[in-house]
Amino acid sequence: MDLVHLADLPARLLSAGQKRRTALARVLLAQAPLWLLDEPSLGLDTAAIALLGEAMAAHRARGGLIIATTHVPLPLESPATLALPGAMDSITGNILPETHWSLASEDEENRP
């Protein structure tokens, strides 16, 4: 997560984005098959979001599962989404109807 140059700094001196990258690095090091992430891109710059996307893609490629809450699109290929009633569509910005529930991506809907 591009943190080596900050290894000698106390955590209290890190920026919000650096603290977020540190937390994500801890997730990577734990090697858990399931990642539960709350707004993982919050406070990250463009380069760090790209690193996050690479880490999430690698985790999924190894068979890992990621459950993330977010208000912005994450750098993921073919994510499955669960849009809660009354939530805002992250692509159009429209409020979703009370009956909208989507749990499978288009690719997964056609799988047996």
N, C-alpha and C. Protein backbone atom coordinates (compact mmCIF):
# COMPACT_ATOMS: atom_id res chain seq x y z
N MET A 1 0.82 -1.21 0.00
CA MET A 1 0.00 0.00 0.00
C MET A 1 0.86 1.27 0.00
N ASP A 2 2.11 1.14 -0.41
CA ASP A 2 3.02 2.28 -0.56
C ASP A 2 3.22 3.03 0.76
N LEU A 3 3.56 2.28 1.81
CA LEU A 3 3.73 2.87 3.14
C LEU A 3 5.14 2.73 3.70
N VAL A 4 6.04 2.06 2.99
CA VAL A 4 7.37 1.78 3.52
C VAL A 4 8.09 3.05 3.97
N HIS A 5 7.95 4.11 3.20
CA HIS A 5 8.65 5.36 3.54
C HIS A 5 8.09 6.02 4.81
N LEU A 6 6.97 5.52 5.32
CA LEU A 6 6.36 6.07 6.54
C LEU A 6 6.53 5.16 7.75
N ALA A 7 7.29 4.09 7.60
CA ALA A 7 7.40 3.06 8.63
C ALA A 7 7.89 3.58 9.98
N ASP A 8 8.70 4.62 10.00
CA ASP A 8 9.26 5.12 11.26
C ASP A 8 8.42 6.21 11.92
N LEU A 9 7.33 6.62 11.27
CA LEU A 9 6.48 7.67 11.85
C LEU A 9 5.45 7.10 12.80
N PRO A 10 5.19 7.81 13.91
CA PRO A 10 4.09 7.39 14.78
C PRO A 10 2.75 7.55 14.05
N ALA A 11 1.82 6.66 14.32
CA ALA A 11 0.52 6.66 13.63
C ALA A 11 -0.20 8.00 13.78
N ARG A 12 -0.02 8.69 14.89
CA ARG A 12 -0.73 9.95 15.10
C ARG A 12 -0.32 11.04 14.12
N LEU A 13 0.85 10.86 13.47
CA LEU A 13 1.33 11.85 12.50
C LEU A 13 0.89 11.56 11.07
N LEU A 14 0.23 10.43 10.86
CA LEU A 14 -0.20 10.07 9.51
C LEU A 14 -1.45 10.83 9.12
N SER A 15 -1.61 11.10 7.83
CA SER A 15 -2.82 11.74 7.33
C SER A 15 -3.97 10.73 7.36
N ALA A 16 -5.17 11.20 7.10
CA ALA A 16 -6.34 10.30 7.08
C ALA A 16 -6.17 9.23 6.01
N GLY A 17 -5.68 9.61 4.84
CA GLY A 17 -5.47 8.64 3.77
C GLY A 17 -4.40 7.63 4.10
N GLN A 18 -3.32 8.10 4.76
CA GLN A 18 -2.25 7.18 5.17
C GLN A 18 -2.75 6.21 6.23
N LYS A 19 -3.58 6.69 7.13
CA LYS A 19 -4.16 5.81 8.15
C LYS A 19 -5.08 4.78 7.49
N ARG A 20 -5.82 5.21 6.47
CA ARG A 20 -6.71 4.28 5.76
C ARG A 20 -5.88 3.22 5.04
N ARG A 21 -4.79 3.63 4.39
CA ARG A 21 -3.92 2.67 3.71
C ARG A 21 -3.28 1.70 4.70
N THR A 22 -2.95 2.20 5.90
CA THR A 22 -2.40 1.33 6.94
C THR A 22 -3.43 0.28 7.35
N ALA A 23 -4.67 0.70 7.53
CA ALA A 23 -5.74 -0.25 7.89
C ALA A 23 -5.93 -1.28 6.79
N LEU A 24 -5.89 -0.84 5.53
CA LEU A 24 -6.03 -1.78 4.42
C LEU A 24 -4.84 -2.74 4.35
N ALA A 25 -3.66 -2.26 4.65
CA ALA A 25 -2.48 -3.14 4.67
C ALA A 25 -2.64 -4.22 5.73
N ARG A 26 -3.24 -3.88 6.85
CA ARG A 26 -3.48 -4.87 7.90
C ARG A 26 -4.44 -5.94 7.41
N VAL A 27 -5.45 -5.53 6.64
CA VAL A 27 -6.39 -6.49 6.06
C VAL A 27 -5.63 -7.44 5.12
N LEU A 28 -4.77 -6.89 4.28
CA LEU A 28 -3.98 -7.71 3.36
C LEU A 28 -3.10 -8.71 4.10
N LEU A 29 -2.46 -8.26 5.15
CA LEU A 29 -1.56 -9.12 5.91
C LEU A 29 -2.28 -10.24 6.66
N ALA A 30 -3.53 -10.00 7.02
CA ALA A 30 -4.30 -11.01 7.76
C ALA A 30 -4.62 -12.23 6.90
N GLN A 31 -4.65 -12.05 5.59
CA GLN A 31 -4.94 -13.12 4.65
C GLN A 31 -6.26 -13.83 4.93
N ALA A 32 -7.24 -13.08 5.40
CA ALA A 32 -8.57 -13.63 5.66
C ALA A 32 -9.29 -13.85 4.33
N PRO A 33 -10.08 -14.92 4.21
CA PRO A 33 -10.80 -15.15 2.95
C PRO A 33 -11.94 -14.17 2.73
N LEU A 34 -12.45 -13.55 3.79
CA LEU A 34 -13.55 -12.59 3.70
C LEU A 34 -13.09 -11.25 4.21
N TRP A 35 -13.26 -10.22 3.37
CA TRP A 35 -12.95 -8.85 3.78
C TRP A 35 -14.26 -8.11 3.97
N LEU A 36 -14.43 -7.48 5.11
CA LEU A 36 -15.56 -6.60 5.39
C LEU A 36 -15.02 -5.18 5.43
N LEU A 37 -15.39 -4.37 4.45
CA LEU A 37 -14.83 -3.03 4.31
C LEU A 37 -15.93 -1.98 4.36
N ASP A 38 -15.72 -0.95 5.17
CA ASP A 38 -16.66 0.15 5.27
C ASP A 38 -16.04 1.38 4.62
N GLU A 39 -16.59 1.79 3.49
CA GLU A 39 -16.09 2.94 2.73
C GLU A 39 -14.57 2.85 2.55
N PRO A 40 -14.08 1.78 1.91
CA PRO A 40 -12.64 1.58 1.82
C PRO A 40 -11.87 2.64 1.06
N SER A 41 -12.52 3.38 0.17
CA SER A 41 -11.80 4.40 -0.61
C SER A 41 -11.84 5.78 0.03
N LEU A 42 -12.53 5.92 1.14
CA LEU A 42 -12.65 7.21 1.81
C LEU A 42 -11.28 7.74 2.22
N GLY A 43 -10.96 8.95 1.82
CA GLY A 43 -9.70 9.58 2.19
C GLY A 43 -8.52 9.18 1.34
N LEU A 44 -8.74 8.33 0.34
CA LEU A 44 -7.64 7.89 -0.50
C LEU A 44 -7.52 8.76 -1.75
N ASP A 45 -6.28 8.99 -2.18
CA ASP A 45 -6.08 9.71 -3.43
C ASP A 45 -6.19 8.73 -4.60
N THR A 46 -6.08 9.22 -5.80
CA THR A 46 -6.25 8.40 -6.99
C THR A 46 -5.28 7.22 -7.04
N ALA A 47 -4.03 7.47 -6.69
CA ALA A 47 -3.03 6.39 -6.72
C ALA A 47 -3.35 5.31 -5.69
N ALA A 48 -3.79 5.71 -4.50
CA ALA A 48 -4.13 4.74 -3.46
C ALA A 48 -5.39 3.96 -3.82
N ILE A 49 -6.34 4.60 -4.50
CA ILE A 49 -7.54 3.89 -4.96
C ILE A 49 -7.15 2.84 -5.99
N ALA A 50 -6.19 3.16 -6.84
CA ALA A 50 -5.70 2.18 -7.82
C ALA A 50 -5.05 1.00 -7.11
N LEU A 51 -4.26 1.26 -6.06
CA LEU A 51 -3.66 0.18 -5.27
C LEU A 51 -4.74 -0.66 -4.60
N LEU A 52 -5.77 -0.01 -4.08
CA LEU A 52 -6.88 -0.71 -3.47
C LEU A 52 -7.55 -1.62 -4.49
N GLY A 53 -7.79 -1.11 -5.69
CA GLY A 53 -8.41 -1.90 -6.75
C GLY A 53 -7.58 -3.13 -7.10
N GLU A 54 -6.26 -2.94 -7.18
CA GLU A 54 -5.36 -4.06 -7.48
C GLU A 54 -5.40 -5.10 -6.37
N ALA A 55 -5.40 -4.65 -5.12
CA ALA A 55 -5.45 -5.58 -3.99
C ALA A 55 -6.77 -6.34 -3.96
N MET A 56 -7.89 -5.64 -4.23
CA MET A 56 -9.19 -6.31 -4.23
C MET A 56 -9.28 -7.31 -5.38
N ALA A 57 -8.78 -6.95 -6.56
CA ALA A 57 -8.81 -7.86 -7.70
C ALA A 57 -7.98 -9.11 -7.42
N ALA A 58 -6.81 -8.94 -6.83
CA ALA A 58 -5.96 -10.08 -6.50
C ALA A 58 -6.63 -10.98 -5.47
N HIS A 59 -7.28 -10.38 -4.48
CA HIS A 59 -7.97 -11.15 -3.45
C HIS A 59 -9.10 -11.97 -4.07
N ARG A 60 -9.88 -11.35 -4.93
CA ARG A 60 -10.98 -12.05 -5.60
C ARG A 60 -10.44 -13.15 -6.52
N ALA A 61 -9.32 -12.90 -7.20
CA ALA A 61 -8.73 -13.90 -8.09
C ALA A 61 -8.27 -15.14 -7.33
N ARG A 62 -7.91 -14.95 -6.06
CA ARG A 62 -7.51 -16.08 -5.22
C ARG A 62 -8.71 -16.77 -4.58
N GLY A 63 -9.93 -16.34 -4.95
CA GLY A 63 -11.14 -16.95 -4.39
C GLY A 63 -11.69 -16.23 -3.18
N GLY A 64 -11.13 -15.09 -2.84
CA GLY A 64 -11.60 -14.32 -1.69
C GLY A 64 -12.91 -13.61 -1.98
N LEU A 65 -13.58 -13.23 -0.92
CA LEU A 65 -14.85 -12.52 -1.00
C LEU A 65 -14.71 -11.18 -0.30
N ILE A 66 -15.31 -10.15 -0.88
CA ILE A 66 -15.26 -8.81 -0.31
C ILE A 66 -16.69 -8.31 -0.15
N ILE A 67 -17.03 -7.88 1.04
CA ILE A 67 -18.29 -7.19 1.30
C ILE A 67 -17.91 -5.78 1.70
N ALA A 68 -18.37 -4.82 0.91
CA ALA A 68 -18.00 -3.42 1.16
C ALA A 68 -19.24 -2.53 1.11
N THR A 69 -19.31 -1.59 2.04
CA THR A 69 -20.31 -0.54 1.97
C THR A 69 -19.64 0.67 1.34
N THR A 70 -20.35 1.33 0.45
CA THR A 70 -19.76 2.47 -0.23
C THR A 70 -20.82 3.35 -0.85
N HIS A 71 -20.49 4.61 -0.98
CA HIS A 71 -21.35 5.57 -1.68
C HIS A 71 -20.78 5.94 -3.04
N VAL A 72 -19.61 5.42 -3.32
CA VAL A 72 -18.95 5.70 -4.59
C VAL A 72 -18.56 4.37 -5.24
N PRO A 73 -18.48 4.34 -6.55
CA PRO A 73 -18.06 3.09 -7.21
C PRO A 73 -16.64 2.71 -6.80
N LEU A 74 -16.42 1.42 -6.60
CA LEU A 74 -15.10 0.91 -6.27
C LEU A 74 -14.45 0.37 -7.54
N PRO A 75 -13.12 0.36 -7.60
CA PRO A 75 -12.44 -0.13 -8.79
C PRO A 75 -12.47 -1.66 -8.86
N LEU A 76 -13.66 -2.21 -9.09
CA LEU A 76 -13.85 -3.66 -9.17
C LEU A 76 -14.47 -4.03 -10.50
N GLU A 77 -14.05 -5.15 -11.05
CA GLU A 77 -14.65 -5.65 -12.27
C GLU A 77 -15.83 -6.54 -11.90
N SER A 78 -16.98 -6.30 -12.48
CA SER A 78 -18.20 -7.10 -12.31
C SER A 78 -18.59 -7.31 -10.84
N PRO A 79 -18.76 -6.23 -10.09
CA PRO A 79 -19.18 -6.42 -8.69
C PRO A 79 -20.65 -6.82 -8.60
N ALA A 80 -21.00 -7.63 -7.63
CA ALA A 80 -22.40 -7.90 -7.31
C ALA A 80 -22.80 -6.81 -6.32
N THR A 81 -24.00 -6.29 -6.46
CA THR A 81 -24.42 -5.20 -5.58
C THR A 81 -25.72 -5.54 -4.87
N LEU A 82 -25.86 -4.96 -3.71
CA LEU A 82 -27.10 -5.01 -2.95
C LEU A 82 -27.45 -3.57 -2.66
N ALA A 83 -28.43 -3.06 -3.37
CA ALA A 83 -28.84 -1.66 -3.21
C ALA A 83 -30.03 -1.63 -2.27
N LEU A 84 -29.89 -0.98 -1.14
CA LEU A 84 -30.96 -0.91 -0.15
C LEU A 84 -32.07 0.03 -0.61
N PRO A 85 -33.31 -0.26 -0.23
CA PRO A 85 -34.43 0.62 -0.62
C PRO A 85 -34.18 2.06 -0.16
N GLY A 86 -34.42 2.99 -1.07
CA GLY A 86 -34.24 4.39 -0.74
C GLY A 86 -32.80 4.87 -0.87
N ALA A 87 -31.88 3.96 -1.23
CA ALA A 87 -30.48 4.34 -1.39
C ALA A 87 -30.28 5.05 -2.72
N MET A 88 -29.18 5.76 -2.84
CA MET A 88 -28.89 6.48 -4.07
C MET A 88 -28.07 5.58 -5.00
N ASP A 89 -28.44 5.56 -6.26
CA ASP A 89 -27.68 4.83 -7.27
C ASP A 89 -26.36 5.56 -7.48
N SER A 90 -25.23 4.86 -7.27
CA SER A 90 -23.93 5.52 -7.35
C SER A 90 -23.56 5.94 -8.77
N ILE A 91 -24.22 5.40 -9.77
CA ILE A 91 -23.90 5.77 -11.15
C ILE A 91 -24.77 6.93 -11.62
N THR A 92 -26.08 6.83 -11.41
CA THR A 92 -26.99 7.87 -11.92
C THR A 92 -27.25 8.99 -10.92
N GLY A 93 -27.07 8.71 -9.63
CA GLY A 93 -27.37 9.69 -8.60
C GLY A 93 -28.85 9.72 -8.22
N ASN A 94 -29.65 8.85 -8.84
CA ASN A 94 -31.08 8.79 -8.55
C ASN A 94 -31.35 7.96 -7.30
N ILE A 95 -32.39 8.33 -6.57
CA ILE A 95 -32.82 7.53 -5.43
C ILE A 95 -33.49 6.27 -5.98
N LEU A 96 -33.06 5.12 -5.46
CA LEU A 96 -33.61 3.86 -5.93
C LEU A 96 -35.01 3.66 -5.37
N PRO A 97 -35.89 3.05 -6.14
CA PRO A 97 -37.25 2.80 -5.66
C PRO A 97 -37.22 1.84 -4.48
N GLU A 98 -38.24 1.92 -3.65
CA GLU A 98 -38.33 1.07 -2.45
C GLU A 98 -38.26 -0.41 -2.76
N THR A 99 -38.59 -0.81 -3.98
CA THR A 99 -38.62 -2.23 -4.33
C THR A 99 -37.34 -2.72 -4.99
N HIS A 100 -36.34 -1.86 -5.16
CA HIS A 100 -35.13 -2.25 -5.88
C HIS A 100 -34.18 -3.03 -4.97
N TRP A 101 -33.93 -4.27 -5.34
CA TRP A 101 -32.93 -5.10 -4.67
C TRP A 101 -32.15 -5.82 -5.74
N SER A 102 -30.86 -5.68 -5.76
CA SER A 102 -30.03 -6.36 -6.75
C SER A 102 -28.86 -7.00 -6.03
N LEU A 103 -28.79 -8.31 -6.05
CA LEU A 103 -27.71 -8.99 -5.35
C LEU A 103 -26.71 -9.63 -6.30
N ALA A 104 -27.09 -9.90 -7.53
CA ALA A 104 -26.19 -10.58 -8.45
C ALA A 104 -25.78 -9.65 -9.58
N SER A 105 -24.55 -9.80 -10.01
CA SER A 105 -24.12 -9.06 -11.19
C SER A 105 -24.74 -9.72 -12.42
N GLU A 106 -24.68 -9.05 -13.55
CA GLU A 106 -25.28 -9.60 -14.76
C GLU A 106 -24.68 -10.95 -15.12
N ASP A 107 -23.36 -11.11 -14.94
CA ASP A 107 -22.72 -12.39 -15.26
C ASP A 107 -23.22 -13.50 -14.35
N GLU A 108 -23.45 -13.20 -13.09
CA GLU A 108 -23.84 -14.22 -12.13
C GLU A 108 -25.31 -14.61 -12.26
N GLU A 109 -26.13 -13.73 -12.83
CA GLU A 109 -27.55 -14.04 -12.96
C GLU A 109 -27.79 -15.21 -13.88
N ASN A 110 -26.90 -15.45 -14.83
CA ASN A 110 -27.08 -16.53 -15.79
C ASN A 110 -26.35 -17.80 -15.42
N ARG A 111 -25.71 -17.83 -14.26
CA ARG A 111 -25.01 -19.04 -13.83
C ARG A 111 -25.99 -20.01 -13.21
N PRO A 112 -25.70 -21.34 -13.35
CA PRO A 112 -26.59 -22.35 -12.74
C PRO A 112 -26.50 -22.34 -11.24
